[in-house]
Amino acid sequence: MGAGELIAADGVVIGLRVPNKKDALKELARRAALAVDIDQSIILKALVDREALGSTGVGMGVALPHARIAGLQRITGLFARLARPIDFEAIDEAPVDLVFLLLGPDPGGTEYMKALASISRVLRNRGSVARLRAAGAEEVRGVFA
């Protein structure tokens, strides 16, 4: 399964308006909850707990928040391009405007790690990042194909 296929139906948001990292995670958790039918507070807690281990801001204006969720039936992703970059405590200290949220079952097998690696490869590629910044909602999945 390609990384683009992991993005939930209605899982691409262009122009998301959030003032900071906390609100970005909260809004993404809310949207993910609708896609996977799990309470958003459970998703948000898992994301916040993961961020406490170290920021998932991977550089070049990109963040890849991810978590495993008990009761989740399938690996699910959401992609958001923010209306304005925000501080995400990224490793290069650059503000973030592209966010790919990945959720996987807990316990889970190797598929979650493979999905995380696949998405990470796309998000480390400068050409792909440029395409994501220019893509319409319907084109985003193709960048991850």
C-alpha atoms as a PDB file:
ATOM      1  CA  MET A   1       0.000   0.000   0.000  1.00  0.00           C
ATOM      2  CA  GLY A   2       1.382   3.406  -0.986  1.00  0.00           C
ATOM      3  CA  ALA A   3       1.599   6.233   1.522  1.00  0.00           C
ATOM      4  CA  GLY A   4      -1.034   8.185  -0.398  1.00  0.00           C
ATOM      5  CA  GLU A   5      -3.519   5.376   0.159  1.00  0.00           C
ATOM      6  CA  LEU A   6      -3.148   5.811   3.925  1.00  0.00           C
ATOM      7  CA  ILE A   7      -4.733   9.255   3.816  1.00  0.00           C
ATOM      8  CA  ALA A   8      -8.286   9.047   5.116  1.00  0.00           C
ATOM      9  CA  ALA A   9     -11.248  10.101   3.013  1.00  0.00           C
ATOM     10  CA  ASP A  10     -11.482  13.873   3.451  1.00  0.00           C
ATOM     11  CA  GLY A  11      -8.040  13.597   5.033  1.00  0.00           C
ATOM     12  CA  VAL A  12      -6.400  16.453   3.143  1.00  0.00           C
ATOM     13  CA  VAL A  13      -6.765  19.959   4.526  1.00  0.00           C
ATOM     14  CA  ILE A  14      -5.410  22.927   2.595  1.00  0.00           C
ATOM     15  CA  GLY A  15      -5.147  26.240   4.424  1.00  0.00           C
ATOM     16  CA  LEU A  16      -5.645  24.955   7.969  1.00  0.00           C
ATOM     17  CA  ARG A  17      -5.650  27.912  10.351  1.00  0.00           C
ATOM     18  CA  VAL A  18      -4.056  27.144  13.702  1.00  0.00           C
ATOM     19  CA  PRO A  19      -1.997  29.529  15.829  1.00  0.00           C
ATOM     20  CA  ASN A  20       0.400  27.035  17.408  1.00  0.00           C
ATOM     21  CA  LYS A  21       1.529  23.416  17.734  1.00  0.00           C
ATOM     22  CA  LYS A  22      -0.902  22.604  20.550  1.00  0.00           C
ATOM     23  CA  ASP A  23      -3.893  23.760  18.514  1.00  0.00           C
ATOM     24  CA  ALA A  24      -2.577  22.010  15.387  1.00  0.00           C
ATOM     25  CA  LEU A  25      -2.422  18.688  17.226  1.00  0.00           C
ATOM     26  CA  LYS A  26      -5.839  19.309  18.744  1.00  0.00           C
ATOM     27  CA  GLU A  27      -7.443  20.052  15.368  1.00  0.00           C
ATOM     28  CA  LEU A  28      -5.757  17.100  13.671  1.00  0.00           C
ATOM     29  CA  ALA A  29      -6.874  14.822  16.509  1.00  0.00           C
ATOM     30  CA  ARG A  30     -10.434  16.088  16.065  1.00  0.00           C
ATOM     31  CA  ARG A  31     -10.373  15.370  12.339  1.00  0.00           C
ATOM     32  CA  ALA A  32      -8.733  11.983  12.836  1.00  0.00           C
ATOM     33  CA  ALA A  33     -11.354  11.034  15.419  1.00  0.00           C
ATOM     34  CA  LEU A  34     -14.058  11.520  12.803  1.00  0.00           C
ATOM     35  CA  ALA A  35     -12.158   9.333  10.322  1.00  0.00           C
ATOM     36  CA  VAL A  36     -11.430   6.429  12.677  1.00  0.00           C
ATOM     37  CA  ASP A  37     -14.310   6.630  15.179  1.00  0.00           C
ATOM     38  CA  ILE A  38     -12.090   6.932  18.244  1.00  0.00           C
ATOM     39  CA  ASP A  39     -12.498   9.680  20.826  1.00  0.00           C
ATOM     40  CA  GLN A  40     -10.360  12.682  19.962  1.00  0.00           C
ATOM     41  CA  SER A  41      -9.072  12.978  23.542  1.00  0.00           C
ATOM     42  CA  ILE A  42      -7.461   9.528  23.210  1.00  0.00           C
ATOM     43  CA  ILE A  43      -5.794  10.515  19.946  1.00  0.00           C
ATOM     44  CA  LEU A  44      -4.665  13.879  21.305  1.00  0.00           C
ATOM     45  CA  LYS A  45      -3.171  12.305  24.432  1.00  0.00           C
ATOM     46  CA  ALA A  46      -1.212   9.816  22.321  1.00  0.00           C
ATOM     47  CA  LEU A  47       0.095  12.620  20.103  1.00  0.00           C
ATOM     48  CA  VAL A  48       1.047  14.824  23.051  1.00  0.00           C
ATOM     49  CA  ASP A  49       2.761  11.870  24.769  1.00  0.00           C
ATOM     50  CA  ARG A  50       4.741  11.197  21.576  1.00  0.00           C
ATOM     51  CA  GLU A  51       5.722  14.863  21.246  1.00  0.00           C
ATOM     52  CA  ALA A  52       6.991  14.776  24.846  1.00  0.00           C
ATOM     53  CA  LEU A  53       9.634  12.293  23.672  1.00  0.00           C
ATOM     54  CA  GLY A  54      10.884  14.806  21.102  1.00  0.00           C
ATOM     55  CA  SER A  55       9.378  17.008  18.455  1.00  0.00           C
ATOM     56  CA  THR A  56       8.172  15.386  15.266  1.00  0.00           C
ATOM     57  CA  GLY A  57       9.092  18.545  13.374  1.00  0.00           C
ATOM     58  CA  VAL A  58      11.545  16.917  10.963  1.00  0.00           C
ATOM     59  CA  GLY A  59      12.867  20.019   9.202  1.00  0.00           C
ATOM     60  CA  MET A  60      12.234  21.927   5.961  1.00  0.00           C
ATOM     61  CA  GLY A  61       8.909  23.178   7.348  1.00  0.00           C
ATOM     62  CA  VAL A  62       7.560  19.654   7.789  1.00  0.00           C
ATOM     63  CA  ALA A  63       6.143  17.782  10.799  1.00  0.00           C
ATOM     64  CA  LEU A  64       5.209  14.117  11.041  1.00  0.00           C
ATOM     65  CA  PRO A  65       3.281  13.648  14.290  1.00  0.00           C
ATOM     66  CA  HIS A  66       2.494  10.000  14.819  1.00  0.00           C
ATOM     67  CA  ALA A  67       1.182   7.646  17.459  1.00  0.00           C
ATOM     68  CA  ARG A  68      -0.164   4.170  18.009  1.00  0.00           C
ATOM     69  CA  ILE A  69      -3.712   3.996  19.306  1.00  0.00           C
ATOM     70  CA  ALA A  70      -5.278   1.041  21.119  1.00  0.00           C
ATOM     71  CA  GLY A  71      -8.459  -0.031  19.356  1.00  0.00           C
ATOM     72  CA  LEU A  72      -7.518   1.502  16.009  1.00  0.00           C
ATOM     73  CA  GLN A  73      -8.338  -0.940  13.219  1.00  0.00           C
ATOM     74  CA  ARG A  74      -6.081   0.362  10.434  1.00  0.00           C
ATOM     75  CA  ILE A  75      -3.215   2.714   9.745  1.00  0.00           C
ATOM     76  CA  THR A  76      -4.650   6.125   8.925  1.00  0.00           C
ATOM     77  CA  GLY A  77      -3.135   9.409   7.847  1.00  0.00           C
ATOM     78  CA  LEU A  78      -4.169  13.015   7.444  1.00  0.00           C
ATOM     79  CA  PHE A  79      -2.290  15.736   5.604  1.00  0.00           C
ATOM     80  CA  ALA A  80      -2.565  19.448   6.339  1.00  0.00           C
ATOM     81  CA  ARG A  81      -0.994  22.452   4.696  1.00  0.00           C
ATOM     82  CA  LEU A  82      -1.212  25.287   7.175  1.00  0.00           C
ATOM     83  CA  ALA A  83      -2.404  28.762   6.209  1.00  0.00           C
ATOM     84  CA  ARG A  84       0.601  30.193   8.064  1.00  0.00           C
ATOM     85  CA  PRO A  85       3.715  28.432   9.378  1.00  0.00           C
ATOM     86  CA  ILE A  86       3.860  27.761  13.129  1.00  0.00           C
ATOM     87  CA  ASP A  87       6.595  26.941  15.608  1.00  0.00           C
ATOM     88  CA  PHE A  88       6.670  23.155  15.970  1.00  0.00           C
ATOM     89  CA  GLU A  89       9.986  22.927  17.831  1.00  0.00           C
ATOM     90  CA  ALA A  90      11.440  21.351  14.683  1.00  0.00           C
ATOM     91  CA  ILE A  91      14.976  20.006  14.653  1.00  0.00           C
ATOM     92  CA  ASP A  92      16.096  22.788  12.285  1.00  0.00           C
ATOM     93  CA  GLU A  93      14.078  25.390  14.239  1.00  0.00           C
ATOM     94  CA  ALA A  94      12.218  26.353  11.037  1.00  0.00           C
ATOM     95  CA  PRO A  95       8.471  26.990  11.312  1.00  0.00           C
ATOM     96  CA  VAL A  96       6.213  24.226   9.986  1.00  0.00           C
ATOM     97  CA  ASP A  97       3.565  24.577   7.291  1.00  0.00           C
ATOM     98  CA  LEU A  98       3.184  20.923   6.194  1.00  0.00           C
ATOM     99  CA  VAL A  99       1.915  18.292   8.628  1.00  0.00           C
ATOM    100  CA  PHE A 100       1.311  14.608   7.987  1.00  0.00           C
ATOM    101  CA  LEU A 101      -0.453  12.911  10.907  1.00  0.00           C
ATOM    102  CA  LEU A 102      -0.041   9.128  11.043  1.00  0.00           C
ATOM    103  CA  LEU A 103      -1.949   6.855  13.404  1.00  0.00           C
ATOM    104  CA  GLY A 104      -1.459   3.116  13.727  1.00  0.00           C
ATOM    105  CA  PRO A 105      -2.933   0.276  15.764  1.00  0.00           C
ATOM    106  CA  ASP A 106      -1.410  -0.589  19.125  1.00  0.00           C
ATOM    107  CA  PRO A 107      -0.191  -3.189  19.355  1.00  0.00           C
ATOM    108  CA  GLY A 108       0.776  -3.163  15.741  1.00  0.00           C
ATOM    109  CA  GLY A 109       3.048  -5.003  13.412  1.00  0.00           C
ATOM    110  CA  THR A 110       5.754  -3.798  11.102  1.00  0.00           C
ATOM    111  CA  GLU A 111       3.275  -2.176   8.696  1.00  0.00           C
ATOM    112  CA  TYR A 112       3.109   0.951  10.848  1.00  0.00           C
ATOM    113  CA  MET A 113       6.893   1.350  10.812  1.00  0.00           C
ATOM    114  CA  LYS A 114       6.959   0.761   7.053  1.00  0.00           C
ATOM    115  CA  ALA A 115       4.272   3.415   6.574  1.00  0.00           C
ATOM    116  CA  LEU A 116       6.179   5.872   8.758  1.00  0.00           C
ATOM    117  CA  ALA A 117       9.367   5.244   6.776  1.00  0.00           C
ATOM    118  CA  SER A 118       7.563   5.617   3.445  1.00  0.00           C
ATOM    119  CA  ILE A 119       5.995   8.935   4.430  1.00  0.00           C
ATOM    120  CA  SER A 120       9.274  10.145   5.890  1.00  0.00           C
ATOM    121  CA  ARG A 121      11.089   9.456   2.604  1.00  0.00           C
ATOM    122  CA  VAL A 122       8.618  11.655   0.734  1.00  0.00           C
ATOM    123  CA  LEU A 123       8.802  14.421   3.327  1.00  0.00           C
ATOM    124  CA  ARG A 124      12.625  14.499   3.255  1.00  0.00           C
ATOM    125  CA  ASN A 125      12.661  15.031  -0.518  1.00  0.00           C
ATOM    126  CA  ARG A 126      12.860  18.742  -1.376  1.00  0.00           C
ATOM    127  CA  GLY A 127      11.060  18.226  -4.690  1.00  0.00           C
ATOM    128  CA  SER A 128       8.180  16.401  -3.035  1.00  0.00           C
ATOM    129  CA  VAL A 129       7.911  19.072  -0.344  1.00  0.00           C
ATOM    130  CA  ALA A 130       7.753  21.778  -3.021  1.00  0.00           C
ATOM    131  CA  ARG A 131       5.019  19.809  -4.827  1.00  0.00           C
ATOM    132  CA  LEU A 132       3.029  19.500  -1.577  1.00  0.00           C
ATOM    133  CA  ARG A 133       3.223  23.252  -1.062  1.00  0.00           C
ATOM    134  CA  ALA A 134       1.772  23.835  -4.534  1.00  0.00           C
ATOM    135  CA  ALA A 135      -0.672  20.899  -4.751  1.00  0.00           C
ATOM    136  CA  GLY A 136      -4.424  21.148  -4.567  1.00  0.00           C
ATOM    137  CA  ALA A 137      -6.232  18.805  -2.181  1.00  0.00           C
ATOM    138  CA  GLU A 138      -6.932  16.303  -4.952  1.00  0.00           C
ATOM    139  CA  GLU A 139      -3.244  16.159  -5.928  1.00  0.00           C
ATOM    140  CA  VAL A 140      -1.713  15.501  -2.504  1.00  0.00           C
ATOM    141  CA  ARG A 141      -2.221  11.719  -2.526  1.00  0.00           C
ATOM    142  CA  GLY A 142      -0.336  11.532  -5.824  1.00  0.00           C
ATOM    143  CA  VAL A 143       2.744  13.143  -4.278  1.00  0.00           C
ATOM    144  CA  PHE A 144       2.831  10.304  -1.733  1.00  0.00           C
ATOM    145  CA  ALA A 145       2.229   7.575  -4.355  1.00  0.00           C
END
